[in-house]
Amino acid sequence: MTSVWVGKKYMLNEAAPAFEPEYFGAKHITTPNVHPVPGRDPTACSVVGNGLWREKIYHFLPDRPPSSAGDEIQTEFFVRYEDFTTVMDVLYSIRDSFLHLVQVTEVRMCAPDDIPMSPAKGSTAYIGIHFTWYRKHAQIVAALPKIEKALERFNVKPHLGALWLERRAL
C-alpha cells in the first residue's frame, strides 16, 4: 500500500476531523485530486478532502472517463471485515503470480445493507478488495483460479459486474 484516502464521518456543524500523514505506512493523499492509477491525468477525479459523502464516494467525475478510460479489466472480492487481515496476508503470499497484471488495487469498507444482490447484504460488514487489471485477459483468467482458490476458505463474494471465474452458487 503506497497511498491512502481515509474517510471519517462528521456532522456539518462540527470541525473536520484531523488525519495522520501516514496510515499503516501509506502516505495520506493531500493533493486536490489524484488518479488512483499512477501516471493518469487526475482532472477526471473527484476532489480529495473534506465534504459531503455523496461527493466523495466516487473516484471519477460523472462527465469524465473513468479509471483507465476503458483500458482495464475489473475484479472485486468482498470479504468479511473480521477476515480482512488474514485475507490480505494470503493475497500477499501469492502476489508474485498476479502483481504484474495489476494497475492499482483499492480496499474499501462496506457497511451491511439490505439491498438485493449487494455483496454487503446481511448483518456483517465487508471490505471490498478491488483489482484494476491491465487489459491482459488471458493472463488474468490464468491467474484468477489461484487467487480464488487461496480465498476459498473465506467464502468471499465476487462483485457480480466484474470478472471472476468461480462457478459455485452465490
Protein backbone atom coordinates (compact mmCIF):
# COMPACT_ATOMS: atom_id res chain seq x y z
CA MET A 1 0.00 0.00 0.00
CA THR A 2 1.53 3.31 -1.07
CA SER A 3 -1.26 5.86 -0.67
CA VAL A 4 -4.44 6.13 1.35
CA TRP A 5 -7.54 8.29 1.50
CA VAL A 6 -9.30 7.71 4.81
CA GLY A 7 -12.89 8.86 5.14
CA LYS A 8 -14.21 9.89 8.53
CA LYS A 9 -17.79 10.72 9.37
CA TYR A 10 -18.57 14.07 10.94
CA MET A 11 -21.55 16.40 11.10
CA LEU A 12 -21.71 19.67 9.17
CA ASN A 13 -21.68 21.75 12.36
CA GLU A 14 -18.51 20.01 13.60
CA ALA A 15 -14.89 20.72 12.79
CA ALA A 16 -13.47 18.37 10.17
CA PRO A 17 -11.50 15.51 11.75
CA ALA A 18 -7.73 15.61 11.51
CA PHE A 19 -5.88 12.85 9.71
CA GLU A 20 -2.44 11.40 10.17
CA PRO A 21 0.10 11.97 7.37
CA GLU A 22 0.62 8.19 7.22
CA TYR A 23 -1.75 5.27 7.70
CA PHE A 24 -0.15 1.85 8.17
CA GLY A 25 2.91 3.15 6.32
CA ALA A 26 0.99 4.59 3.35
CA LYS A 27 1.08 8.32 2.68
CA HIS A 28 -2.23 10.10 3.12
CA ILE A 29 -3.30 11.80 -0.12
CA THR A 30 -3.08 15.56 0.27
CA THR A 31 -3.27 16.82 -3.34
CA PRO A 32 -6.54 18.38 -4.54
CA ASN A 33 -7.28 15.34 -6.66
CA VAL A 34 -5.36 12.24 -7.52
CA HIS A 35 -5.89 9.48 -10.06
CA PRO A 36 -5.73 6.03 -8.47
CA VAL A 37 -3.82 4.66 -11.47
CA PRO A 38 -0.27 6.06 -11.48
CA GLY A 39 0.55 8.28 -14.44
CA ARG A 40 -3.07 9.11 -15.35
CA ASP A 41 -4.45 12.67 -15.53
CA PRO A 42 -6.24 13.44 -12.22
CA THR A 43 -8.63 16.08 -13.63
CA ALA A 44 -11.22 13.34 -14.15
CA CYS A 45 -11.18 12.53 -10.43
CA SER A 46 -13.22 13.84 -7.53
CA VAL A 47 -11.56 16.36 -5.23
CA VAL A 48 -9.82 14.89 -2.19
CA GLY A 49 -10.58 16.31 1.23
CA ASN A 50 -13.49 17.11 3.48
CA GLY A 51 -17.01 17.29 2.12
CA LEU A 52 -20.31 15.52 1.70
CA TRP A 53 -20.06 11.74 1.41
CA ARG A 54 -22.06 11.75 -1.81
CA GLU A 55 -19.38 13.94 -3.40
CA LYS A 56 -16.53 11.77 -2.15
CA ILE A 57 -17.77 8.21 -2.62
CA TYR A 58 -16.94 8.01 -6.31
CA HIS A 59 -13.45 8.42 -7.74
CA PHE A 60 -14.30 9.74 -11.17
CA LEU A 61 -16.48 12.69 -12.10
CA PRO A 62 -19.65 11.62 -13.95
CA ASP A 63 -18.80 13.59 -17.10
CA ARG A 64 -15.21 12.30 -17.38
CA PRO A 65 -13.70 8.98 -18.48
CA PRO A 66 -13.30 6.52 -15.61
CA SER A 67 -10.26 4.64 -14.41
CA SER A 68 -8.00 3.88 -17.36
CA ALA A 69 -10.51 5.14 -19.95
CA GLY A 70 -11.69 1.59 -20.61
CA ASP A 71 -8.20 0.14 -20.95
CA GLU A 72 -8.65 -2.15 -17.96
CA ILE A 73 -10.45 -5.16 -16.55
CA GLN A 74 -12.02 -5.06 -13.09
CA THR A 75 -12.28 -7.74 -10.40
CA GLU A 76 -13.55 -7.24 -6.87
CA PHE A 77 -13.95 -9.62 -3.97
CA PHE A 78 -15.83 -8.83 -0.78
CA VAL A 79 -14.51 -10.37 2.42
CA ARG A 80 -15.94 -10.28 5.91
CA TYR A 81 -14.44 -7.49 7.97
CA GLU A 82 -13.11 -9.93 10.57
CA ASP A 83 -11.26 -11.93 7.85
CA PHE A 84 -9.66 -8.93 6.16
CA THR A 85 -6.14 -9.01 7.64
CA THR A 86 -5.80 -12.75 7.09
CA VAL A 87 -7.11 -12.41 3.51
CA MET A 88 -4.55 -9.68 2.83
CA ASP A 89 -1.79 -11.92 4.20
CA VAL A 90 -2.95 -14.72 1.87
CA LEU A 91 -3.04 -12.40 -1.15
CA TYR A 92 0.36 -11.01 -0.26
CA SER A 93 1.78 -14.55 -0.10
CA ILE A 94 0.72 -15.28 -3.72
CA ARG A 95 1.21 -11.77 -5.14
CA ASP A 96 4.05 -12.80 -7.45
CA SER A 97 1.55 -14.79 -9.53
CA PHE A 98 -0.53 -11.71 -10.41
CA LEU A 99 1.23 -8.48 -9.37
CA HIS A 100 2.48 -7.82 -12.92
CA LEU A 101 -1.15 -7.67 -14.11
CA VAL A 102 -2.37 -5.05 -11.58
CA GLN A 103 -2.62 -1.34 -12.37
CA VAL A 104 -3.97 -0.48 -8.93
CA THR A 105 -5.73 -2.16 -6.01
CA GLU A 106 -8.32 -0.44 -3.88
CA VAL A 107 -9.59 -1.52 -0.49
CA ARG A 108 -12.95 -0.11 0.60
CA MET A 109 -15.11 -0.69 3.68
CA CYS A 110 -18.77 -1.62 3.10
CA ALA A 111 -21.38 -1.32 5.83
CA PRO A 112 -24.05 -4.01 5.99
CA ASP A 113 -27.15 -3.25 3.91
CA ASP A 114 -30.41 -4.82 2.76
CA ILE A 115 -30.06 -4.11 -0.96
CA PRO A 116 -30.89 -7.13 -3.17
CA MET A 117 -27.78 -8.59 -4.86
CA SER A 118 -25.48 -6.38 -2.77
CA PRO A 119 -22.27 -8.14 -1.72
CA ALA A 120 -22.72 -6.44 1.68
CA LYS A 121 -26.30 -7.68 2.16
CA GLY A 122 -26.80 -9.02 5.65
CA SER A 123 -25.62 -8.18 9.11
CA THR A 124 -21.86 -8.31 8.60
CA ALA A 125 -19.54 -5.51 7.46
CA TYR A 126 -17.47 -6.32 4.40
CA ILE A 127 -14.33 -4.98 2.82
CA GLY A 128 -14.09 -4.85 -0.96
CA ILE A 129 -10.71 -5.69 -2.45
CA HIS A 130 -10.78 -4.26 -5.94
CA PHE A 131 -8.26 -5.01 -8.67
CA THR A 132 -7.90 -2.82 -11.76
CA TRP A 133 -6.03 -5.08 -14.14
CA TYR A 134 -4.11 -4.24 -17.29
CA ARG A 135 -6.11 -5.41 -20.30
CA LYS A 136 -4.43 -8.82 -20.46
CA HIS A 137 -7.47 -11.07 -20.40
CA ALA A 138 -5.81 -14.44 -20.99
CA GLN A 139 -3.21 -13.83 -18.27
CA ILE A 140 -5.84 -12.62 -15.79
CA VAL A 141 -8.04 -15.63 -16.47
CA ALA A 142 -4.98 -17.81 -15.83
CA ALA A 143 -4.23 -16.00 -12.52
CA LEU A 144 -7.77 -15.84 -11.10
CA PRO A 145 -8.09 -19.56 -10.23
CA LYS A 146 -5.06 -19.31 -7.93
CA ILE A 147 -6.48 -16.19 -6.25
CA GLU A 148 -9.96 -17.70 -5.91
CA LYS A 149 -8.55 -20.99 -4.57
CA ALA A 150 -6.48 -19.09 -1.98
CA LEU A 151 -9.58 -17.15 -0.86
CA GLU A 152 -11.98 -20.11 -0.97
CA ARG A 153 -11.94 -20.79 2.78
CA PHE A 154 -13.10 -17.21 3.47
CA ASN A 155 -16.32 -17.56 1.46
CA VAL A 156 -15.60 -14.32 -0.41
CA LYS A 157 -18.30 -12.75 -2.54
CA PRO A 158 -17.39 -11.57 -6.05
CA HIS A 159 -18.67 -8.30 -7.49
CA LEU A 160 -21.20 -9.59 -9.98
CA GLY A 161 -20.42 -6.86 -12.53
CA ALA A 162 -16.70 -7.66 -12.69
CA LEU A 163 -14.54 -10.56 -13.87
CA TRP A 164 -14.38 -13.68 -11.69
CA LEU A 165 -14.32 -17.39 -12.53
CA GLU A 166 -15.66 -19.40 -9.61
CA ARG A 167 -18.79 -21.30 -10.58
CA ARG A 168 -20.41 -22.03 -7.24
CA ALA A 169 -23.84 -20.93 -6.14
CA LEU A 170 -23.84 -17.50 -4.53
